[in-house]
Amino acid sequence: MSHNEETPGDATSERHRQERPGPESQHLAELGPEGMYEAAERLCRTVAGEGPRGASAARTVGRIAETLADTRSRDCVTFAVDLVSRLLPEEAIPPGEGDRLLRSVAAKLVRTQQLRDIQPLFRELPDGVLGRAVELRACLLGELALIGSGTGRRSLDAYAEKLGELGHPLARLPRTRLDIEHRFTTRVRGLGSIKTAKQLRSRFPEAPSTDGGAVAGRGAVDTLDDGRANAAAQPFRAGGWAREPEARFFTLPSPLSSDDFGISFIKELPLRCLAGEGSRRGSALACETTPDDVLNELFSASYVGGVNGQGQGRAYARLYAWESLYALMGSPAGVPLLEVVRRAADHRWLRFIAFTDWFHHDTSDLAFAVLDPTRTRVAVLAATDTDVHRDALG
């Protein structure tokens, strides 16, 4: 695969980042790459300490950098990277915009530019993980990994190894796509968000509903673990999904029969997302799924982003997805990814759907339950998104 080949679905994450071009953007585009860079350079000298005007100018510089990154030429690579990693003053960047901009520029560079024009960015090794220049290059390596490019290049390999020595979070991920990640960024016509029990049944085998499952669910003990819950929920928080996800963990006094791990068990757990279940039209349903399905949904949550949120780029979407999967499985951070893949096969994985007031039943609803190999520990993660403004949600 060419490192510039666009995987189906790549454009999905752009929908939250594109703004309708105004007269200013159209004027800048007419300047050409060098003219745009010079205009952005002048803006960078004036944005610091300008308050709202400075923030507006900083956004303009960001749009110029993204446009340059998306315009194929060696000069455009240099211009875009210089703007976001050196020239744009840190204090002028609006809150929350800095990370998004770096990740967006990295994604556009990898999608559009030739690898030979990106490679010179890695001539000098970092001496720390702080700073936008290092962060941009870490994102570039993460983006390249998912399209199978960059390995075997001495400067890129050396930079990646140094990031690992320095403890950069992206460096713990392999520099090639794993088989379990085969669905990342790929969309299949007709396989969109599941919104009805009929859709869920049509795509996944239904898990049995048993009286024994209901009895076991009533005996489950809630286990609080804020750190694990935060890691599990991170893909949805980072993507800006409308409602705070629910991540919960439970222990059982005795092993649960595999046949009893179904919706009758889940409905007895004290979950906020199931409060009032049965009071609305539609019945809760659970179906069996696989780790790659769960991992892909976790990746997509932050790669695409919520309707009113922001896509995070492939590098960090991948990191957040794995950290969430680790949390759902209860795996320590030091366990290698391929070992987690092996262990995932010994877990039981369910997708479930419920018709309660917690779920928006609008753009996206996701809910998973995971049973560990001892059959005494259960993790649940639920998330929901809507295009209704947050202030209207109550």
Protein backbone atom coordinates (compact mmCIF):
# COMPACT_ATOMS: atom_id res chain seq x y z
CA MET A 1 0.00 0.00 0.00
CA SER A 2 1.27 3.46 -0.86
CA HIS A 3 1.68 5.59 2.23
CA ASN A 4 -0.55 8.14 0.52
CA GLU A 5 -3.42 5.73 -0.17
CA GLU A 6 -6.62 6.81 1.55
CA THR A 7 -8.37 4.04 3.40
CA PRO A 8 -12.16 4.15 3.04
CA GLY A 9 -13.44 6.17 5.97
CA ASP A 10 -10.47 8.52 6.29
CA ALA A 11 -12.62 11.49 5.33
CA THR A 12 -15.06 10.76 8.13
CA SER A 13 -12.97 12.48 10.78
CA GLU A 14 -12.77 15.60 8.66
CA ARG A 15 -16.43 16.45 8.96
CA HIS A 16 -15.97 18.00 12.42
CA ARG A 17 -12.88 19.93 11.50
CA GLN A 18 -13.87 21.55 8.23
CA GLU A 19 -15.23 25.07 8.32
CA ARG A 20 -17.01 26.67 5.40
CA PRO A 21 -14.39 28.89 3.76
CA GLY A 22 -15.06 32.62 4.11
CA PRO A 23 -13.64 35.54 2.16
CA GLU A 24 -10.50 35.53 4.29
CA SER A 25 -9.78 31.87 3.57
CA GLN A 26 -10.43 32.31 -0.12
CA HIS A 27 -8.06 35.30 -0.22
CA LEU A 28 -5.32 33.35 1.54
CA ALA A 29 -5.72 30.44 -0.84
CA GLU A 30 -5.09 32.79 -3.75
CA LEU A 31 -1.71 33.72 -2.27
CA GLY A 32 -0.16 30.34 -2.97
CA PRO A 33 1.95 28.34 -0.45
CA GLU A 34 4.72 30.91 0.04
CA GLY A 35 2.26 33.79 0.31
CA MET A 36 0.14 31.87 2.81
CA TYR A 37 3.19 31.03 4.91
CA GLU A 38 4.33 34.66 4.93
CA ALA A 39 0.85 35.86 5.89
CA ALA A 40 0.70 33.32 8.70
CA GLU A 41 4.18 34.29 9.86
CA ARG A 42 3.05 37.94 10.16
CA LEU A 43 -0.02 36.87 12.12
CA CYS A 44 2.13 34.82 14.50
CA ARG A 45 4.11 37.95 15.38
CA THR A 46 0.95 39.80 16.37
CA VAL A 47 -1.32 37.22 18.08
CA ALA A 48 0.29 37.09 21.55
CA GLY A 49 -1.52 39.15 24.17
CA GLU A 50 -4.34 40.18 21.83
CA GLY A 51 -7.16 38.39 23.68
CA PRO A 52 -10.12 37.36 21.47
CA ARG A 53 -8.50 38.99 18.42
CA GLY A 54 -5.37 36.95 19.03
CA ALA A 55 -7.39 33.74 19.35
CA SER A 56 -9.13 34.47 16.05
CA ALA A 57 -5.79 35.13 14.35
CA ALA A 58 -4.36 31.93 15.84
CA ARG A 59 -7.26 29.98 14.34
CA THR A 60 -6.51 31.54 10.98
CA VAL A 61 -2.88 30.44 11.29
CA GLY A 62 -4.13 26.95 12.13
CA ARG A 63 -6.32 26.85 9.04
CA ILE A 64 -3.39 27.98 6.91
CA ALA A 65 -1.21 25.24 8.40
CA GLU A 66 -3.88 22.62 7.67
CA THR A 67 -4.26 23.87 4.10
CA LEU A 68 -0.51 23.74 3.57
CA ALA A 69 -0.31 20.25 5.07
CA ASP A 70 -2.99 19.17 2.61
CA THR A 71 -1.15 20.63 -0.41
CA ARG A 72 1.44 18.25 -1.82
CA SER A 73 4.95 19.70 -1.98
CA ARG A 74 8.12 19.57 0.08
CA ASP A 75 7.87 23.28 0.84
CA CYS A 76 4.31 22.87 2.13
CA VAL A 77 5.52 20.18 4.55
CA THR A 78 8.16 22.55 5.89
CA PHE A 79 5.78 25.51 6.08
CA ALA A 80 2.99 23.62 7.86
CA VAL A 81 5.31 22.04 10.43
CA ASP A 82 7.10 25.33 11.12
CA LEU A 83 3.83 27.14 11.77
CA VAL A 84 2.33 24.71 14.27
CA SER A 85 5.48 23.55 16.03
CA ARG A 86 7.55 26.75 16.22
CA LEU A 87 6.00 30.02 15.06
CA LEU A 88 2.50 29.98 16.56
CA PRO A 89 2.82 31.24 20.17
CA GLU A 90 1.61 28.73 22.73
CA GLU A 91 -0.28 31.37 24.70
CA ALA A 92 -2.27 32.45 21.64
CA ILE A 93 -3.75 29.02 20.94
CA PRO A 94 -7.35 28.72 22.26
CA PRO A 95 -7.88 26.12 25.03
CA GLY A 96 -8.19 22.61 23.65
CA GLU A 97 -7.16 23.71 20.16
CA GLY A 98 -3.43 22.96 20.34
CA ASP A 99 -3.67 19.17 20.48
CA ARG A 100 -6.41 19.08 17.84
CA LEU A 101 -4.34 21.23 15.48
CA LEU A 102 -1.18 19.13 15.82
CA ARG A 103 -3.11 15.91 15.26
CA SER A 104 -4.97 17.36 12.29
CA VAL A 105 -1.80 18.62 10.61
CA ALA A 106 -0.07 15.27 11.19
CA ALA A 107 -3.02 13.39 9.68
CA LYS A 108 -3.13 15.64 6.62
CA LEU A 109 0.61 15.41 6.06
CA VAL A 110 0.54 11.62 6.09
CA ARG A 111 -2.54 11.47 3.89
CA THR A 112 -1.27 13.93 1.27
CA GLN A 113 2.53 14.20 1.25
CA GLN A 114 5.24 11.93 -0.08
CA LEU A 115 7.12 10.00 2.60
CA ARG A 116 10.41 11.27 1.18
CA ASP A 117 9.28 14.83 2.00
CA ILE A 118 8.21 13.90 5.55
CA GLN A 119 11.36 11.93 6.38
CA PRO A 120 13.67 14.97 6.78
CA LEU A 121 11.59 16.05 9.80
CA PHE A 122 13.20 13.21 11.77
CA ARG A 123 16.86 14.08 11.27
CA GLU A 124 17.35 15.24 14.87
CA LEU A 125 16.47 13.03 17.82
CA PRO A 126 14.40 14.49 20.68
CA ASP A 127 15.87 15.03 24.13
CA GLY A 128 12.45 15.00 25.84
CA VAL A 129 8.77 14.37 25.13
CA LEU A 130 7.56 17.89 25.84
CA GLY A 131 7.03 20.45 23.12
CA ARG A 132 4.93 20.72 20.00
CA ALA A 133 7.76 19.73 17.66
CA VAL A 134 8.17 16.35 19.36
CA GLU A 135 4.43 15.83 19.71
CA LEU A 136 3.83 16.48 16.01
CA ARG A 137 6.47 13.95 15.03
CA ALA A 138 5.06 11.37 17.45
CA CYS A 139 1.65 11.83 15.79
CA LEU A 140 3.24 11.48 12.35
CA LEU A 141 4.79 8.15 13.35
CA GLY A 142 1.43 7.02 14.76
CA GLU A 143 -0.38 7.97 11.56
CA LEU A 144 2.22 6.23 9.41
CA ALA A 145 1.97 3.05 11.48
CA LEU A 146 -1.69 2.56 10.61
CA ILE A 147 -1.07 2.77 6.88
CA GLY A 148 1.92 0.43 7.05
CA SER A 149 4.55 3.02 6.20
CA GLY A 150 7.73 4.41 7.75
CA THR A 151 9.31 1.25 9.17
CA GLY A 152 12.73 0.40 7.80
CA ARG A 153 13.67 4.07 7.42
CA ARG A 154 16.70 4.68 9.61
CA SER A 155 15.80 8.19 10.82
CA LEU A 156 12.17 7.28 11.56
CA ASP A 157 13.15 4.06 13.33
CA ALA A 158 15.70 5.91 15.46
CA TYR A 159 13.19 8.62 16.37
CA ALA A 160 10.56 6.04 17.33
CA GLU A 161 13.07 4.14 19.46
CA LYS A 162 14.06 7.36 21.23
CA LEU A 163 10.41 8.21 21.94
CA GLY A 164 10.09 4.79 23.53
CA GLU A 165 13.13 5.40 25.73
CA LEU A 166 11.68 8.76 26.78
CA GLY A 167 8.30 7.23 27.63
CA HIS A 168 6.06 8.96 25.10
CA PRO A 169 2.58 7.34 25.34
CA LEU A 170 2.27 6.79 21.58
CA ALA A 171 5.55 4.87 21.56
CA ARG A 172 3.98 1.90 23.34
CA LEU A 173 1.95 1.15 20.21
CA PRO A 174 3.44 -1.06 17.47
CA ARG A 175 4.58 0.64 14.28
CA THR A 176 2.40 -1.57 12.13
CA ARG A 177 -1.31 -2.30 12.12
CA LEU A 178 -2.23 -5.47 14.03
CA ASP A 179 -4.69 -7.95 12.57
CA ILE A 180 -7.21 -7.12 15.32
CA GLU A 181 -7.14 -3.52 14.02
CA HIS A 182 -8.16 -4.50 10.49
CA ARG A 183 -11.41 -2.48 10.62
CA PHE A 184 -9.86 0.82 11.71
CA THR A 185 -10.99 3.71 9.43
CA THR A 186 -12.94 1.30 7.23
CA ARG A 187 -16.61 1.86 6.55
CA VAL A 188 -18.91 -0.71 4.98
CA ARG A 189 -22.12 0.43 3.33
CA GLY A 190 -25.13 -0.58 5.41
CA LEU A 191 -23.14 -1.17 8.62
CA GLY A 192 -23.70 2.14 10.34
CA SER A 193 -24.81 2.88 13.89
CA ILE A 194 -27.09 0.24 15.43
CA LYS A 195 -30.30 1.91 16.64
CA THR A 196 -32.80 -0.94 16.92
CA ALA A 197 -32.95 -4.44 18.36
CA LYS A 198 -33.70 -5.74 14.86
CA GLN A 199 -30.45 -4.25 13.53
CA LEU A 200 -28.47 -5.75 16.42
CA ARG A 201 -30.00 -9.21 15.88
CA SER A 202 -29.31 -9.06 12.16
CA ARG A 203 -25.57 -8.56 12.68
CA PHE A 204 -24.70 -10.50 15.85
CA PRO A 205 -25.86 -13.79 17.42
CA GLU A 206 -28.25 -13.21 20.31
CA ALA A 207 -27.03 -14.19 23.79
CA PRO A 208 -29.47 -16.35 25.76
CA SER A 209 -31.66 -14.80 28.45
CA THR A 210 -31.89 -17.06 31.49
CA ASP A 211 -33.34 -17.03 34.98
CA GLY A 212 -29.92 -18.05 36.29
CA GLY A 213 -28.45 -14.92 34.72
CA ALA A 214 -30.96 -12.73 36.52
CA VAL A 215 -30.16 -14.38 39.85
CA ALA A 216 -26.41 -13.93 39.30
CA GLY A 217 -26.86 -10.30 38.29
CA ARG A 218 -28.63 -9.50 41.54
CA GLY A 219 -25.63 -10.88 43.43
CA ALA A 220 -23.02 -8.81 41.60
CA VAL A 221 -20.99 -6.40 43.73
CA ASP A 222 -20.11 -2.95 42.35
CA THR A 223 -16.33 -2.42 42.37
CA LEU A 224 -15.23 1.22 42.24
CA ASP A 225 -12.07 1.97 40.24
CA ASP A 226 -11.92 5.57 39.03
CA GLY A 227 -8.64 5.16 37.15
CA ARG A 228 -9.87 2.16 35.24
CA ALA A 229 -13.23 3.83 34.55
CA ASN A 230 -11.52 6.95 33.19
CA ALA A 231 -9.37 4.88 30.84
CA ALA A 232 -12.38 2.92 29.61
CA ALA A 233 -14.37 6.10 28.92
CA GLN A 234 -11.55 8.11 27.30
CA PRO A 235 -12.43 7.44 23.62
CA PHE A 236 -15.86 8.98 24.11
CA ARG A 237 -14.64 11.90 26.20
CA ALA A 238 -11.88 12.71 23.75
CA GLY A 239 -14.30 12.51 20.84
CA GLY A 240 -16.76 14.83 22.58
CA TRP A 241 -19.75 12.49 22.80
CA ALA A 242 -22.77 14.25 24.23
CA ARG A 243 -23.19 12.35 27.50
CA GLU A 244 -20.61 11.24 30.05
CA PRO A 245 -20.05 7.50 29.42
CA GLU A 246 -20.84 4.94 32.07
CA ALA A 247 -17.97 2.59 32.90
CA ARG A 248 -18.65 0.14 35.73
CA PHE A 249 -17.00 -2.97 37.15
CA PHE A 250 -18.56 -5.81 39.11
CA THR A 251 -17.42 -8.94 40.92
CA LEU A 252 -19.41 -12.13 41.42
CA PRO A 253 -19.29 -14.44 44.44
CA SER A 254 -19.03 -17.52 42.21
CA PRO A 255 -18.26 -18.20 38.53
CA LEU A 256 -21.02 -17.29 36.11
CA SER A 257 -22.17 -19.94 33.69
CA SER A 258 -21.42 -18.93 30.11
CA ASP A 259 -25.08 -19.50 29.23
CA ASP A 260 -26.13 -17.01 31.91
CA PHE A 261 -24.11 -14.10 30.51
CA GLY A 262 -26.87 -12.32 28.65
CA ILE A 263 -29.38 -9.51 28.92
CA SER A 264 -31.16 -11.01 31.95
CA PHE A 265 -27.85 -10.75 33.83
CA ILE A 266 -27.09 -7.23 32.60
CA LYS A 267 -30.57 -5.91 33.46
CA GLU A 268 -30.05 -6.80 37.11
CA LEU A 269 -26.87 -4.74 37.43
CA PRO A 270 -27.34 -1.29 39.02
CA LEU A 271 -26.49 0.59 35.81
CA ARG A 272 -27.55 4.19 35.23
CA CYS A 273 -27.95 3.50 31.53
CA LEU A 274 -30.63 0.88 32.31
CA ALA A 275 -32.63 2.89 34.84
CA GLY A 276 -36.29 2.72 33.85
CA GLU A 277 -35.75 -0.17 31.43
CA GLY A 278 -39.12 -1.51 30.36
CA SER A 279 -40.94 1.81 30.69
CA ARG A 280 -40.36 2.71 27.04
CA ARG A 281 -41.30 0.93 23.86
CA GLY A 282 -38.69 -1.69 22.99
CA SER A 283 -36.97 -4.44 24.95
CA ALA A 284 -33.32 -4.63 25.93
CA LEU A 285 -31.27 -7.13 23.98
CA ALA A 286 -27.73 -8.52 24.21
CA CYS A 287 -25.76 -10.21 21.44
CA GLU A 288 -22.38 -11.90 21.35
CA THR A 289 -19.54 -10.02 19.70
CA THR A 290 -15.77 -10.15 19.34
CA PRO A 291 -12.79 -8.10 20.62
CA ASP A 292 -12.06 -6.62 17.19
CA ASP A 293 -15.61 -5.25 16.99
CA VAL A 294 -15.26 -3.63 20.41
CA LEU A 295 -11.80 -2.24 19.65
CA ASN A 296 -12.99 -0.79 16.35
CA GLU A 297 -15.93 0.97 18.01
CA LEU A 298 -13.61 2.41 20.65
CA PHE A 299 -11.25 3.64 17.92
CA SER A 300 -14.06 5.18 15.88
CA ALA A 301 -15.50 6.98 18.91
CA SER A 302 -12.52 9.34 19.08
CA TYR A 303 -11.29 9.10 15.47
CA VAL A 304 -14.61 10.27 14.07
CA GLY A 305 -15.65 12.18 17.18
CA GLY A 306 -19.11 12.98 18.45
CA VAL A 307 -21.57 15.02 16.39
CA ASN A 308 -20.65 18.14 18.34
CA GLY A 309 -17.12 16.98 19.18
CA GLN A 310 -13.81 16.66 17.37
CA GLY A 311 -12.02 13.78 15.71
CA GLN A 312 -8.66 13.06 17.36
CA GLY A 313 -6.63 11.68 14.46
CA ARG A 314 -5.59 8.06 14.03
CA ALA A 315 -2.58 8.05 16.36
CA TYR A 316 -4.41 9.08 19.53
CA ALA A 317 -7.67 7.37 18.58
CA ARG A 318 -5.66 4.16 18.46
CA LEU A 319 -4.02 4.84 21.82
CA TYR A 320 -7.34 5.67 23.52
CA ALA A 321 -8.96 2.55 22.04
CA TRP A 322 -6.25 0.26 23.40
CA GLU A 323 -6.23 1.92 26.81
CA SER A 324 -9.99 1.47 26.97
CA LEU A 325 -9.74 -2.19 25.95
CA TYR A 326 -7.05 -2.77 28.59
CA ALA A 327 -9.37 -1.22 31.19
CA LEU A 328 -12.34 -3.35 30.15
CA MET A 329 -10.21 -6.48 30.42
CA GLY A 330 -8.52 -5.38 33.64
CA SER A 331 -5.08 -5.85 32.05
CA PRO A 332 -2.12 -4.00 33.60
CA ALA A 333 -0.52 -1.34 31.40
CA GLY A 334 2.73 -3.30 31.15
CA VAL A 335 1.21 -6.30 29.37
CA PRO A 336 2.28 -6.33 25.68
CA LEU A 337 -0.46 -5.65 23.14
CA LEU A 338 -0.20 -9.03 21.45
CA GLU A 339 -0.52 -10.74 24.82
CA VAL A 340 -3.70 -8.73 25.45
CA VAL A 341 -4.96 -9.86 22.04
CA ARG A 342 -4.33 -13.47 23.05
CA ARG A 343 -6.09 -13.00 26.40
CA ALA A 344 -9.04 -11.22 24.77
CA ALA A 345 -10.01 -14.48 23.09
CA ASP A 346 -10.61 -16.00 26.54
CA HIS A 347 -13.07 -13.25 27.53
CA ARG A 348 -16.77 -13.17 26.64
CA TRP A 349 -17.91 -10.03 24.82
CA LEU A 350 -21.46 -8.70 24.51
CA ARG A 351 -23.05 -5.74 22.75
CA PHE A 352 -26.36 -4.67 24.20
CA ILE A 353 -29.06 -2.17 23.42
CA ALA A 354 -31.69 -0.74 25.76
CA PHE A 355 -34.55 1.69 25.39
CA THR A 356 -34.23 3.99 28.39
CA ASP A 357 -34.05 7.73 28.91
CA TRP A 358 -30.26 7.52 29.39
CA PHE A 359 -29.66 6.61 25.76
CA HIS A 360 -30.48 9.31 23.23
CA HIS A 361 -31.57 6.87 20.48
CA ASP A 362 -30.31 9.47 18.03
CA THR A 363 -26.94 9.40 16.26
CA SER A 364 -24.99 6.74 18.19
CA ASP A 365 -25.62 4.36 21.10
CA LEU A 366 -23.01 1.85 22.23
CA ALA A 367 -22.98 -0.57 25.14
CA PHE A 368 -20.63 -3.47 25.90
CA ALA A 369 -20.29 -6.04 28.67
CA VAL A 370 -17.16 -8.14 29.19
CA LEU A 371 -16.81 -11.31 31.27
CA ASP A 372 -13.29 -12.31 32.27
CA PRO A 373 -11.90 -15.88 31.99
CA THR A 374 -12.52 -16.61 35.70
CA ARG A 375 -16.18 -15.72 35.04
CA THR A 376 -16.22 -13.72 38.28
CA ARG A 377 -15.49 -10.20 36.96
CA VAL A 378 -17.63 -8.13 34.62
CA ALA A 379 -16.97 -4.75 33.01
CA VAL A 380 -19.67 -2.60 31.40
CA LEU A 381 -19.18 0.44 29.15
CA ALA A 382 -22.06 2.47 27.71
CA ALA A 383 -22.03 5.67 25.66
CA THR A 384 -24.56 7.74 23.73
CA ASP A 385 -24.38 10.73 21.40
CA THR A 386 -26.82 13.22 19.91
CA ASP A 387 -26.78 16.33 17.74
CA VAL A 388 -28.91 18.17 20.32
CA HIS A 389 -26.85 20.91 21.97
CA ARG A 390 -25.42 19.94 25.36
CA ASP A 391 -27.29 22.76 27.13
CA ALA A 392 -30.58 21.25 25.99
CA LEU A 393 -29.86 17.84 27.49
CA GLY A 394 -30.58 18.86 31.04
